[in-house]
Amino acid sequence: MLQKFFTSADVPEYFQGALTKTMLSRQELLTKMQMDTYIEVIYGKKPAAEFDSFVAKWRSSGGDNIIQEVNEWYETVKP
């Protein structure tokens, strides 16, 4: 249900490079963590304040590496 919303949301995706090393190894886990947290907050199983804990865990589970890799990619292609 939510996947349809996330794939149809009008949010531009600027990253057009190949999947990064960390994306290949951690993206499935990070996406599952994200979707599980969204669903639990939306359905009231967790308080909205739990989102900050999710972000910290997402970042420490590979998200920071992906952010760094994408920023490095951007430096090579920015106008």
Protein backbone atom coordinates (compact mmCIF):
# COMPACT_ATOMS: atom_id res chain seq x y z
CA MET A 1 0.00 0.00 0.00
CA LEU A 2 2.61 2.56 1.02
CA GLN A 3 5.02 1.39 -1.66
CA LYS A 4 2.62 2.70 -4.32
CA PHE A 5 2.61 6.09 -2.62
CA PHE A 6 6.40 6.25 -2.36
CA THR A 7 6.94 5.23 -5.97
CA SER A 8 4.37 7.71 -7.29
CA ALA A 9 5.28 10.67 -5.08
CA ASP A 10 6.42 13.70 -7.04
CA VAL A 11 9.89 13.88 -5.53
CA PRO A 12 12.69 14.24 -8.05
CA GLU A 13 15.52 11.71 -7.89
CA TYR A 14 18.68 13.57 -8.80
CA PHE A 15 21.08 10.67 -8.34
CA GLN A 16 21.51 9.08 -11.75
CA GLY A 17 24.72 7.15 -11.18
CA ALA A 18 25.29 3.44 -10.86
CA LEU A 19 24.43 1.88 -7.52
CA THR A 20 27.17 2.57 -5.02
CA LYS A 21 29.07 -0.11 -3.12
CA THR A 22 27.01 0.52 0.01
CA MET A 23 23.73 0.62 -1.91
CA LEU A 24 24.51 -2.83 -3.28
CA SER A 25 25.23 -4.25 0.15
CA ARG A 26 22.86 -2.33 2.46
CA GLN A 27 19.97 -0.80 0.48
CA GLU A 28 17.57 -3.69 1.01
CA LEU A 29 18.04 -3.53 4.79
CA LEU A 30 17.81 0.28 4.88
CA THR A 31 14.63 0.33 2.79
CA LYS A 32 13.03 -2.32 5.01
CA MET A 33 13.95 -0.32 8.13
CA GLN A 34 12.44 2.80 6.53
CA MET A 35 9.19 1.18 5.46
CA ASP A 36 8.75 -0.67 8.77
CA THR A 37 9.23 2.56 10.73
CA TYR A 38 6.83 4.53 8.52
CA ILE A 39 4.15 1.86 8.86
CA GLU A 40 4.59 1.51 12.63
CA VAL A 41 4.36 5.29 13.15
CA ILE A 42 1.40 5.72 10.79
CA TYR A 43 -0.55 2.90 12.45
CA GLY A 44 0.28 4.13 15.95
CA LYS A 45 2.46 1.19 16.93
CA LYS A 46 5.32 3.61 17.61
CA PRO A 47 5.20 7.29 18.55
CA ALA A 48 6.29 9.86 15.95
CA ALA A 49 9.19 10.72 18.26
CA GLU A 50 10.62 7.30 17.35
CA PHE A 51 11.52 8.72 13.93
CA ASP A 52 14.68 10.36 15.28
CA SER A 53 15.88 6.99 16.58
CA PHE A 54 15.15 5.44 13.19
CA VAL A 55 17.20 8.12 11.42
CA ALA A 56 20.17 7.56 13.74
CA LYS A 57 19.98 3.78 13.19
CA TRP A 58 19.54 4.21 9.40
CA ARG A 59 22.56 6.47 9.21
CA SER A 60 24.75 4.16 11.32
CA SER A 61 23.61 1.09 9.34
CA GLY A 62 25.01 2.38 6.05
CA GLY A 63 22.98 5.49 5.31
CA ASP A 64 25.89 7.83 6.09
CA ASN A 65 28.07 5.88 3.66
CA ILE A 66 25.44 6.17 0.92
CA ILE A 67 25.11 9.90 1.53
CA GLN A 68 28.89 10.28 1.24
CA GLU A 69 29.08 8.14 -1.91
CA VAL A 70 26.26 10.04 -3.62
CA ASN A 71 27.80 13.39 -2.69
CA GLU A 72 31.14 12.23 -4.13
CA TRP A 73 29.34 11.19 -7.34
CA TYR A 74 27.63 14.57 -7.51
CA GLU A 75 30.96 16.39 -7.29
CA THR A 76 32.00 14.64 -10.52
CA VAL A 77 28.87 15.59 -12.51
CA LYS A 78 27.59 18.88 -11.13
CA PRO A 79 27.29 21.69 -13.68
